[in-house]
Amino acid sequence: NIGIQQVTLKVADLDKMVNFYTKTIGLKLLKQGEGRAWLAPQGTNDAILVLKELTAGEENQGTTGLYHIAFLLPTRKDLGNMLLWLLQENVQIGVADHGYSEALYLSDPENNGIEIYWDKPEEVWDIRPNGEIIGVTEELDGISEGSKIGHIHLKVADLDATETFYKNLGFGLKSNFGQQAKFFAAGQYHHHIGTNTWSGKQLPTIQENQFGLENYTFRLPTAADLEIVQANAEEAKLHFIAKDHLLALEDPSGMIIQFTY
């Protein structure tokens, strides 16, 4: 089960954020204590979102960081149910058909972006001979069991440095969107990690005391795959910390990616 396993956000008001992600988004609260909360899709006890309260934190406007977390639903019916629920809750949303997926867009109470989407069958994706998977944005006429984080999208400072970083680790470039966004994946997927400079190039790096993304964890299929990523990191002379089946690196924009299996 390859892909984004978990995302950790630093938040200002833990109770308010837990209320939003359970009541509005439909995640299940697994446990809460000591300034943290762990949330999972219905029908599972595997936390995909961790909220960490940051006392005396600062806003992160104009820095690198999270563009959106994308929750992947199992079926189109689940997406339809989610759309109906959000409309009934009077949540402000955007909608889009990307060719390979259909998506809803919204923000949480602390302005972290959220995408909720469903993947169309792979046979209708626009996959080019060079492996590029083309996406479009067109109009589109509770996080259910089987849902997961399908991808994460980041605001970065330098797209070329970002591309080098992810390619060095073994990711493939799936789409290069107008020199403003690049999308990467492990294996055959439209993207596990999106990156953009839509907020500006050479943004200041998000700091530890600023709200927003703390880290995200990428799950690999086997221990051997983790060894390959570590070997790639060593070959590229990237600084990393390896401990207890976890390999942590900082990307060129100051965000922490962790690998596990």
Protein backbone atom coordinates (compact mmCIF):
# COMPACT_ATOMS: atom_id res chain seq x y z
CA ASN A 1 0.00 0.00 0.00
CA ILE A 2 2.30 2.72 -1.31
CA GLY A 3 1.58 6.41 -0.78
CA ILE A 4 1.04 9.10 1.85
CA GLN A 5 0.34 7.34 5.15
CA GLN A 6 -0.05 10.28 7.52
CA VAL A 7 0.12 14.07 7.76
CA THR A 8 0.85 16.08 10.92
CA LEU A 9 -0.43 19.65 11.21
CA LYS A 10 0.55 22.25 13.82
CA VAL A 11 -2.65 24.00 14.94
CA ALA A 12 -3.68 26.93 17.12
CA ASP A 13 -6.99 25.60 18.51
CA LEU A 14 -6.96 21.82 18.87
CA ASP A 15 -10.59 21.42 20.01
CA LYS A 16 -11.93 23.56 17.16
CA MET A 17 -9.86 21.64 14.59
CA VAL A 18 -10.87 18.23 16.00
CA ASN A 19 -14.50 19.34 15.85
CA PHE A 20 -14.11 20.35 12.19
CA TYR A 21 -12.32 17.22 11.04
CA THR A 22 -14.79 14.93 12.84
CA LYS A 23 -18.12 16.77 12.39
CA THR A 24 -17.56 18.36 8.96
CA ILE A 25 -15.02 16.11 7.22
CA GLY A 26 -16.16 12.91 8.93
CA LEU A 27 -12.92 11.50 10.29
CA LYS A 28 -13.01 9.44 13.50
CA LEU A 29 -11.18 10.67 16.61
CA LEU A 30 -8.99 7.81 17.82
CA LYS A 31 -7.48 9.57 20.83
CA GLN A 32 -6.70 13.03 22.13
CA GLY A 33 -4.33 14.10 24.89
CA GLU A 34 -1.26 16.17 25.75
CA GLY A 35 -2.00 18.64 22.99
CA ARG A 36 -2.38 16.10 20.19
CA ALA A 37 -5.21 14.34 18.40
CA TRP A 38 -5.12 11.32 16.09
CA LEU A 39 -7.82 10.96 13.41
CA ALA A 40 -8.69 8.08 11.08
CA PRO A 41 -11.23 7.23 8.37
CA GLN A 42 -14.37 5.36 9.44
CA GLY A 43 -13.86 1.63 9.91
CA THR A 44 -10.14 1.77 10.70
CA ASN A 45 -7.84 2.58 13.60
CA ASP A 46 -4.95 3.79 11.45
CA ALA A 47 -4.47 7.53 12.00
CA ILE A 48 -4.00 9.45 8.75
CA LEU A 49 -4.12 12.93 10.30
CA VAL A 50 -2.38 14.08 13.48
CA LEU A 51 -3.16 17.52 14.93
CA LYS A 52 -0.58 19.03 17.27
CA GLU A 53 -1.48 22.14 19.28
CA LEU A 54 1.20 24.82 19.10
CA THR A 55 1.07 27.25 21.98
CA ALA A 56 2.19 30.78 21.13
CA GLY A 57 2.61 29.80 17.48
CA GLU A 58 2.73 32.24 14.60
CA GLU A 59 0.89 32.45 11.26
CA ASN A 60 2.77 31.14 8.24
CA GLN A 61 1.48 33.47 5.51
CA GLY A 62 3.93 33.91 2.67
CA THR A 63 6.07 30.87 3.53
CA THR A 64 6.58 27.43 2.09
CA GLY A 65 4.24 24.78 3.49
CA LEU A 66 0.99 22.98 2.84
CA TYR A 67 -1.12 23.82 -0.22
CA HIS A 68 -3.61 21.05 0.51
CA ILE A 69 -4.08 17.58 1.96
CA ALA A 70 -5.99 15.36 -0.46
CA PHE A 71 -8.32 12.69 0.93
CA LEU A 72 -8.97 9.91 -1.60
CA LEU A 73 -12.41 8.27 -1.43
CA PRO A 74 -13.04 4.72 -2.73
CA THR A 75 -16.00 5.42 -5.04
CA ARG A 76 -17.75 8.18 -6.99
CA LYS A 77 -20.82 7.57 -4.83
CA ASP A 78 -18.74 8.43 -1.74
CA LEU A 79 -17.70 11.68 -3.41
CA GLY A 80 -21.34 12.46 -4.26
CA ASN A 81 -22.37 11.81 -0.66
CA MET A 82 -19.54 14.07 0.55
CA LEU A 83 -20.62 16.84 -1.83
CA LEU A 84 -24.20 16.62 -0.60
CA TRP A 85 -23.08 16.64 3.04
CA LEU A 86 -20.84 19.69 2.60
CA LEU A 87 -23.59 21.58 0.77
CA GLN A 88 -26.04 20.77 3.57
CA GLU A 89 -23.47 22.02 6.09
CA ASN A 90 -23.13 25.29 4.08
CA VAL A 91 -19.39 24.72 3.63
CA GLN A 92 -17.85 26.87 0.91
CA ILE A 93 -16.40 24.51 -1.70
CA GLY A 94 -14.87 24.47 -5.13
CA VAL A 95 -15.31 21.56 -7.55
CA ALA A 96 -13.23 20.31 -10.48
CA ASP A 97 -12.85 17.48 -12.98
CA HIS A 98 -9.13 16.79 -13.54
CA GLY A 99 -9.46 14.12 -16.21
CA TYR A 100 -7.98 11.44 -13.94
CA SER A 101 -10.09 12.46 -10.93
CA GLU A 102 -13.06 14.48 -9.71
CA ALA A 103 -12.42 16.72 -6.73
CA LEU A 104 -13.92 19.01 -4.10
CA TYR A 105 -11.84 21.82 -2.56
CA LEU A 106 -12.28 23.60 0.76
CA SER A 107 -10.28 24.92 3.73
CA ASP A 108 -10.26 24.05 7.42
CA PRO A 109 -10.81 26.72 10.13
CA GLU A 110 -7.08 27.54 10.20
CA ASN A 111 -6.83 27.94 6.43
CA ASN A 112 -5.15 24.63 5.62
CA GLY A 113 -6.27 23.55 2.14
CA ILE A 114 -8.25 20.33 1.70
CA GLU A 115 -9.01 18.32 -1.43
CA ILE A 116 -11.49 15.43 -1.34
CA TYR A 117 -11.43 13.34 -4.51
CA TRP A 118 -12.19 10.11 -6.34
CA ASP A 119 -9.91 8.57 -8.95
CA LYS A 120 -11.48 7.65 -12.26
CA PRO A 121 -10.54 4.19 -13.61
CA GLU A 122 -6.99 4.18 -14.94
CA GLU A 123 -8.13 3.29 -18.47
CA VAL A 124 -9.63 6.78 -18.87
CA TRP A 125 -6.49 8.61 -17.70
CA ASP A 126 -4.58 10.52 -20.37
CA ILE A 127 -1.23 8.73 -20.13
CA ARG A 128 1.31 9.80 -22.76
CA PRO A 129 3.99 7.52 -24.31
CA ASN A 130 6.67 9.19 -22.14
CA GLY A 131 4.74 8.29 -18.98
CA GLU A 132 3.38 11.78 -18.35
CA ILE A 133 -0.15 11.76 -16.92
CA ILE A 134 -2.04 14.79 -18.16
CA GLY A 135 -4.50 16.57 -15.88
CA VAL A 136 -7.05 19.25 -16.70
CA THR A 137 -9.34 21.43 -14.62
CA GLU A 138 -12.95 21.49 -15.79
CA GLU A 139 -16.31 22.03 -14.12
CA LEU A 140 -17.72 19.09 -12.17
CA ASP A 141 -21.45 18.45 -12.43
CA GLY A 142 -17.97 11.68 5.70
CA ILE A 143 -14.62 10.31 4.76
CA SER A 144 -15.90 6.76 4.23
CA GLU A 145 -14.38 3.39 5.05
CA GLY A 146 -11.54 2.62 2.67
CA SER A 147 -10.52 6.26 2.32
CA LYS A 148 -6.93 7.42 2.71
CA ILE A 149 -4.67 10.36 1.94
CA GLY A 150 -4.20 10.12 -1.80
CA HIS A 151 -1.63 12.90 -2.13
CA ILE A 152 -0.20 16.01 -0.54
CA HIS A 153 0.33 19.31 -2.34
CA LEU A 154 3.05 21.69 -1.15
CA LYS A 155 4.05 25.34 -1.59
CA VAL A 156 7.76 25.28 -2.41
CA ALA A 157 10.49 27.85 -2.90
CA ASP A 158 12.26 26.41 -5.96
CA LEU A 159 10.72 23.91 -8.39
CA ASP A 160 14.00 22.79 -9.95
CA ALA A 161 15.59 22.06 -6.57
CA THR A 162 12.38 20.26 -5.55
CA GLU A 163 12.44 18.13 -8.70
CA THR A 164 16.07 17.17 -8.13
CA PHE A 165 15.29 16.22 -4.51
CA TYR A 166 12.37 13.92 -5.33
CA LYS A 167 14.04 12.37 -8.38
CA ASN A 168 17.12 11.62 -6.26
CA LEU A 169 14.90 9.73 -3.83
CA GLY A 170 13.38 7.68 -6.66
CA PHE A 171 10.13 9.50 -7.49
CA GLY A 172 9.09 10.06 -11.10
CA LEU A 173 8.01 13.43 -12.52
CA LYS A 174 4.44 12.83 -13.73
CA SER A 175 3.48 16.31 -14.87
CA ASN A 176 5.25 19.61 -15.38
CA PHE A 177 2.59 22.31 -15.30
CA GLY A 178 3.75 25.47 -17.00
CA GLN A 179 6.94 25.87 -14.95
CA GLN A 180 4.70 26.72 -11.97
CA ALA A 181 3.88 23.26 -10.63
CA LYS A 182 5.42 19.79 -10.72
CA PHE A 183 3.74 16.53 -9.74
CA PHE A 184 5.64 13.44 -8.56
CA ALA A 185 4.70 9.82 -7.88
CA ALA A 186 6.18 6.50 -6.91
CA GLY A 187 5.11 4.03 -9.59
CA GLN A 188 2.06 4.41 -11.83
CA TYR A 189 -0.07 7.14 -10.26
CA HIS A 190 -0.98 10.67 -11.34
CA HIS A 191 0.75 12.12 -8.27
CA HIS A 192 1.52 11.38 -4.64
CA ILE A 193 3.22 14.75 -4.14
CA GLY A 194 2.25 18.01 -5.83
CA THR A 195 4.45 21.10 -5.62
CA ASN A 196 3.87 24.66 -6.81
CA THR A 197 5.20 28.22 -6.75
CA TRP A 198 1.79 29.86 -7.30
CA SER A 199 2.31 31.94 -4.14
CA GLY A 200 5.68 33.15 -5.44
CA LYS A 201 9.20 31.84 -5.98
CA GLN A 202 11.87 31.68 -3.26
CA LEU A 203 9.31 31.86 -0.45
CA PRO A 204 10.73 32.00 3.09
CA THR A 205 10.93 28.60 4.77
CA ILE A 206 8.16 27.64 7.20
CA GLN A 207 9.52 27.64 10.76
CA GLU A 208 8.97 25.25 13.69
CA ASN A 209 6.94 27.85 15.60
CA GLN A 210 4.56 28.51 12.67
CA PHE A 211 1.20 26.84 12.20
CA GLY A 212 0.70 24.46 9.30
CA LEU A 213 2.51 21.38 8.08
CA GLU A 214 4.89 19.67 10.51
CA ASN A 215 5.65 16.54 8.46
CA TYR A 216 4.17 13.91 6.18
CA THR A 217 4.90 10.19 6.09
CA PHE A 218 5.24 8.16 2.89
CA ARG A 219 4.61 4.43 3.18
CA LEU A 220 6.67 2.04 1.04
CA PRO A 221 5.73 -1.60 0.37
CA THR A 222 8.74 -3.32 2.00
CA ALA A 223 11.86 -2.87 4.12
CA ALA A 224 13.90 -3.38 0.94
CA ASP A 225 12.20 -0.34 -0.61
CA LEU A 226 13.15 1.74 2.43
CA GLU A 227 16.75 0.56 2.03
CA ILE A 228 16.67 1.70 -1.61
CA VAL A 229 15.44 5.17 -0.61
CA GLN A 230 18.19 5.38 2.03
CA ALA A 231 20.80 4.30 -0.54
CA ASN A 232 19.47 6.94 -2.96
CA ALA A 233 19.70 9.59 -0.23
CA GLU A 234 23.26 8.55 0.60
CA GLU A 235 24.27 8.64 -3.07
CA ALA A 236 22.78 12.13 -3.46
CA LYS A 237 24.58 13.19 -0.25
CA LEU A 238 21.28 14.20 1.39
CA HIS A 239 21.18 14.61 5.16
CA PHE A 240 18.76 12.16 6.77
CA ILE A 241 17.92 10.58 10.11
CA ALA A 242 17.22 6.82 10.16
CA LYS A 243 15.56 5.32 13.23
CA ASP A 244 13.11 2.46 13.95
CA HIS A 245 11.87 1.75 10.39
CA LEU A 246 11.66 5.49 9.72
CA LEU A 247 13.82 7.62 7.44
CA ALA A 248 13.38 11.40 7.77
CA LEU A 249 14.66 14.07 5.40
CA GLU A 250 14.12 17.80 4.99
CA ASP A 251 13.20 18.93 1.48
CA PRO A 252 14.72 22.07 -0.10
CA SER A 253 11.77 24.12 1.22
CA GLY A 254 12.24 23.07 4.84
CA MET A 255 9.45 20.49 5.03
CA ILE A 256 9.98 17.06 6.60
CA ILE A 257 9.19 13.90 4.64
CA GLN A 258 9.37 10.59 6.50
CA PHE A 259 9.56 7.17 4.83
CA THR A 260 8.36 3.97 6.44
CA TYR A 261 6.99 0.56 5.36
